[in-house]
C-alpha atoms as a PDB file:
ATOM      1  CA  GLN A   1      13.283  67.951 110.204  1.00  0.00           C
ATOM      2  CA  VAL A   2      11.554  66.970 113.433  1.00  0.00           C
ATOM      3  CA  GLN A   3      12.237  69.237 116.392  1.00  0.00           C
ATOM      4  CA  LEU A   4      11.168  68.783 120.001  1.00  0.00           C
ATOM      5  CA  VAL A   5      11.338  71.596 122.545  1.00  0.00           C
ATOM      6  CA  ALA A   6      10.766  70.688 126.174  1.00  0.00           C
ATOM      7  CA  SER A   7       9.699  73.164 128.842  1.00  0.00           C
ATOM      8  CA  GLY A   8       7.908  73.431 132.170  1.00  0.00           C
ATOM      9  CA  GLY A   9      10.546  72.210 134.591  1.00  0.00           C
ATOM     10  CA  GLY A  10      11.254  73.978 137.845  1.00  0.00           C
ATOM     11  CA  SER A  11      11.758  73.621 141.568  1.00  0.00           C
ATOM     12  CA  VAL A  12       8.949  72.500 143.862  1.00  0.00           C
ATOM     13  CA  GLN A  13       8.575  71.055 147.329  1.00  0.00           C
ATOM     14  CA  THR A  14       7.566  67.489 148.073  1.00  0.00           C
ATOM     15  CA  GLY A  15       3.937  66.972 147.216  1.00  0.00           C
ATOM     16  CA  GLY A  16       3.903  69.720 144.606  1.00  0.00           C
ATOM     17  CA  SER A  17       2.965  69.535 140.939  1.00  0.00           C
ATOM     18  CA  LEU A  18       4.491  70.484 137.609  1.00  0.00           C
ATOM     19  CA  ARG A  19       3.387  70.081 134.010  1.00  0.00           C
ATOM     20  CA  LEU A  20       6.042  69.477 131.412  1.00  0.00           C
ATOM     21  CA  SER A  21       5.425  70.295 127.762  1.00  0.00           C
ATOM     22  CA  CYS A  22       7.167  69.133 124.623  1.00  0.00           C
ATOM     23  CA  ALA A  23       6.316  71.104 121.509  1.00  0.00           C
ATOM     24  CA  ALA A  24       6.896  69.170 118.322  1.00  0.00           C
ATOM     25  CA  SER A  25       7.307  70.383 114.784  1.00  0.00           C
ATOM     26  CA  GLY A  26       8.246  68.905 111.450  1.00  0.00           C
ATOM     27  CA  TYR A  27       6.167  65.756 111.447  1.00  0.00           C
ATOM     28  CA  THR A  28       2.661  66.941 110.781  1.00  0.00           C
ATOM     29  CA  TYR A  29       2.261  64.122 108.284  1.00  0.00           C
ATOM     30  CA  LEU A  30       2.509  61.681 111.175  1.00  0.00           C
ATOM     31  CA  SER A  31       0.355  63.672 113.544  1.00  0.00           C
ATOM     32  CA  ARG A  32      -2.677  63.145 111.349  1.00  0.00           C
ATOM     33  CA  SER A  33      -2.471  59.382 111.761  1.00  0.00           C
ATOM     34  CA  GLY A  34      -1.026  59.264 115.267  1.00  0.00           C
ATOM     35  CA  SER A  35       1.412  56.604 114.122  1.00  0.00           C
ATOM     36  CA  TYR A  36       4.267  57.524 116.377  1.00  0.00           C
ATOM     37  CA  CYS A  37       5.563  56.858 119.850  1.00  0.00           C
ATOM     38  CA  MET A  38       6.228  59.710 122.243  1.00  0.00           C
ATOM     39  CA  VAL A  39       8.159  59.143 125.442  1.00  0.00           C
ATOM     40  CA  TRP A  40       9.270  61.019 128.527  1.00  0.00           C
ATOM     41  CA  PHE A  41      12.635  59.957 129.938  1.00  0.00           C
ATOM     42  CA  ARG A  42      14.532  61.284 132.927  1.00  0.00           C
ATOM     43  CA  GLN A  43      18.093  61.161 134.112  1.00  0.00           C
ATOM     44  CA  ALA A  44      19.233  61.922 137.637  1.00  0.00           C
ATOM     45  CA  PRO A  45      22.877  62.791 138.398  1.00  0.00           C
ATOM     46  CA  GLY A  46      25.015  59.663 138.423  1.00  0.00           C
ATOM     47  CA  LYS A  47      22.199  57.461 137.162  1.00  0.00           C
ATOM     48  CA  GLU A  48      21.219  56.010 133.820  1.00  0.00           C
ATOM     49  CA  ARG A  49      18.477  57.580 131.765  1.00  0.00           C
ATOM     50  CA  GLU A  50      15.186  55.823 132.452  1.00  0.00           C
ATOM     51  CA  GLY A  51      11.836  55.734 130.745  1.00  0.00           C
ATOM     52  CA  VAL A  52       9.056  57.452 132.663  1.00  0.00           C
ATOM     53  CA  ALA A  53       6.017  57.106 130.414  1.00  0.00           C
ATOM     54  CA  TYR A  54       5.024  56.702 126.796  1.00  0.00           C
ATOM     55  CA  ILE A  55       1.971  57.363 124.661  1.00  0.00           C
ATOM     56  CA  TYR A  56       0.985  56.091 121.232  1.00  0.00           C
ATOM     57  CA  PRO A  57      -1.541  58.700 120.089  1.00  0.00           C
ATOM     58  CA  GLY A  58      -2.934  56.622 117.246  1.00  0.00           C
ATOM     59  CA  ARG A  59      -4.160  53.989 119.703  1.00  0.00           C
ATOM     60  CA  GLY A  60      -4.482  56.076 122.840  1.00  0.00           C
ATOM     61  CA  THR A  61      -2.079  53.668 124.518  1.00  0.00           C
ATOM     62  CA  THR A  62      -0.167  54.843 127.556  1.00  0.00           C
ATOM     63  CA  TYR A  63       2.311  53.234 129.906  1.00  0.00           C
ATOM     64  CA  TYR A  64       4.020  54.356 133.101  1.00  0.00           C
ATOM     65  CA  THR A  65       6.991  53.047 134.955  1.00  0.00           C
ATOM     66  CA  ASP A  66       6.051  51.721 138.383  1.00  0.00           C
ATOM     67  CA  SER A  67       7.584  54.561 140.373  1.00  0.00           C
ATOM     68  CA  VAL A  68       5.338  57.213 138.781  1.00  0.00           C
ATOM     69  CA  ARG A  69       2.140  55.287 138.054  1.00  0.00           C
ATOM     70  CA  GLY A  70      -0.784  56.969 139.754  1.00  0.00           C
ATOM     71  CA  ARG A  71       1.076  60.273 140.131  1.00  0.00           C
ATOM     72  CA  PHE A  72       2.030  61.207 136.551  1.00  0.00           C
ATOM     73  CA  THR A  73      -0.189  61.503 133.490  1.00  0.00           C
ATOM     74  CA  ILE A  74       1.088  61.583 129.924  1.00  0.00           C
ATOM     75  CA  SER A  75      -1.063  63.131 127.211  1.00  0.00           C
ATOM     76  CA  HIS A  76      -0.821  64.530 123.711  1.00  0.00           C
ATOM     77  CA  ASP A  77      -2.708  67.356 122.047  1.00  0.00           C
ATOM     78  CA  ASN A  78      -2.855  66.585 118.333  1.00  0.00           C
ATOM     79  CA  ALA A  79      -4.032  70.060 117.376  1.00  0.00           C
ATOM     80  CA  LYS A  80      -1.067  71.660 119.124  1.00  0.00           C
ATOM     81  CA  ASN A  81       1.436  68.891 118.362  1.00  0.00           C
ATOM     82  CA  THR A  82       2.411  69.014 122.008  1.00  0.00           C
ATOM     83  CA  LEU A  83       3.219  66.252 124.457  1.00  0.00           C
ATOM     84  CA  TYR A  84       2.551  66.773 128.161  1.00  0.00           C
ATOM     85  CA  LEU A  85       3.544  65.166 131.418  1.00  0.00           C
ATOM     86  CA  GLN A  86       1.416  66.180 134.391  1.00  0.00           C
ATOM     87  CA  MET A  87       3.348  65.347 137.542  1.00  0.00           C
ATOM     88  CA  ASN A  88       1.525  65.362 140.872  1.00  0.00           C
ATOM     89  CA  ASN A  89       2.606  64.450 144.397  1.00  0.00           C
ATOM     90  CA  LEU A  90       6.227  64.940 143.444  1.00  0.00           C
ATOM     91  CA  LYS A  91       8.925  63.317 145.532  1.00  0.00           C
ATOM     92  CA  PRO A  92      12.638  64.128 145.931  1.00  0.00           C
ATOM     93  CA  GLU A  93      13.459  60.985 143.952  1.00  0.00           C
ATOM     94  CA  ASP A  94      11.702  62.542 140.948  1.00  0.00           C
ATOM     95  CA  THR A  95      14.516  65.101 140.737  1.00  0.00           C
ATOM     96  CA  ALA A  96      16.126  64.724 137.311  1.00  0.00           C
ATOM     97  CA  MET A  97      16.547  66.196 133.870  1.00  0.00           C
ATOM     98  CA  TYR A  98      13.458  65.249 131.892  1.00  0.00           C
ATOM     99  CA  TYR A  99      13.653  64.600 128.156  1.00  0.00           C
ATOM    100  CA  CYS A 100      10.960  64.050 125.574  1.00  0.00           C
ATOM    101  CA  ALA A 101      11.579  61.820 122.588  1.00  0.00           C
ATOM    102  CA  ALA A 102       9.610  60.632 119.576  1.00  0.00           C
ATOM    103  CA  ASP A 103       9.807  58.346 116.587  1.00  0.00           C
ATOM    104  CA  ASP A 104       7.438  56.924 114.012  1.00  0.00           C
ATOM    105  CA  THR A 105       6.892  53.339 115.077  1.00  0.00           C
ATOM    106  CA  THR A 106       4.261  50.672 115.018  1.00  0.00           C
ATOM    107  CA  PRO A 107       2.191  50.305 118.195  1.00  0.00           C
ATOM    108  CA  TRP A 108       4.099  47.199 119.268  1.00  0.00           C
ATOM    109  CA  GLN A 109       7.462  48.912 118.756  1.00  0.00           C
ATOM    110  CA  CYS A 110       6.620  51.658 121.220  1.00  0.00           C
ATOM    111  CA  PRO A 111       7.290  49.610 124.371  1.00  0.00           C
ATOM    112  CA  VAL A 112      10.469  48.314 122.739  1.00  0.00           C
ATOM    113  CA  VAL A 113      11.939  51.765 122.115  1.00  0.00           C
ATOM    114  CA  PHE A 114      10.780  52.785 125.579  1.00  0.00           C
ATOM    115  CA  GLY A 115      13.159  50.145 126.887  1.00  0.00           C
ATOM    116  CA  THR A 116      16.019  50.578 124.409  1.00  0.00           C
ATOM    117  CA  LYS A 117      15.792  54.401 124.300  1.00  0.00           C
ATOM    118  CA  LYS A 118      16.490  54.190 120.579  1.00  0.00           C
ATOM    119  CA  LEU A 119      14.282  56.998 119.279  1.00  0.00           C
ATOM    120  CA  ARG A 120      15.390  59.350 116.552  1.00  0.00           C
ATOM    121  CA  TYR A 121      14.106  62.641 117.872  1.00  0.00           C
ATOM    122  CA  TRP A 122      14.942  64.149 121.256  1.00  0.00           C
ATOM    123  CA  GLY A 123      14.213  67.388 123.045  1.00  0.00           C
ATOM    124  CA  GLN A 124      16.849  69.314 124.930  1.00  0.00           C
ATOM    125  CA  GLY A 125      15.705  68.458 128.456  1.00  0.00           C
ATOM    126  CA  THR A 126      14.078  70.403 131.249  1.00  0.00           C
ATOM    127  CA  GLN A 127      15.213  70.225 134.888  1.00  0.00           C
ATOM    128  CA  VAL A 128      12.853  69.148 137.654  1.00  0.00           C
ATOM    129  CA  THR A 129      14.020  69.593 141.247  1.00  0.00           C
ATOM    130  CA  VAL A 130      11.938  68.433 144.202  1.00  0.00           C
ATOM    131  CA  SER A 131      13.033  69.457 147.675  1.00  0.00           C
ATOM    132  CA  SER A 132      12.001  67.783 150.906  1.00  0.00           C
END
């Protein structure tokens, strides 16, 4: 059973930084090959859930949505089975509940599930609030 536990959210002022973590367990057989897609999503009140960034550890592939590119960095520590999202220069529009998600996919399926949000494993969410 794959479990994802997200943490690291909080309240910061505009221009501040936070690092989100997503500790994963139950899929060590995948972690050795890196054949899985890991994604950060976010959902603001009254808005649809949107993809923020994804990483495919087996290829080292990363992708960011336009609004966060250059400010956020997604990474994965294989030894710790932990996904990270370093968020710098935060803006009020970054305020949302952030969710991590994962699934074993091929490299070319990763951008697809990033768009469809159809991943099997989800964390519980961690709140990020940015005040002006």
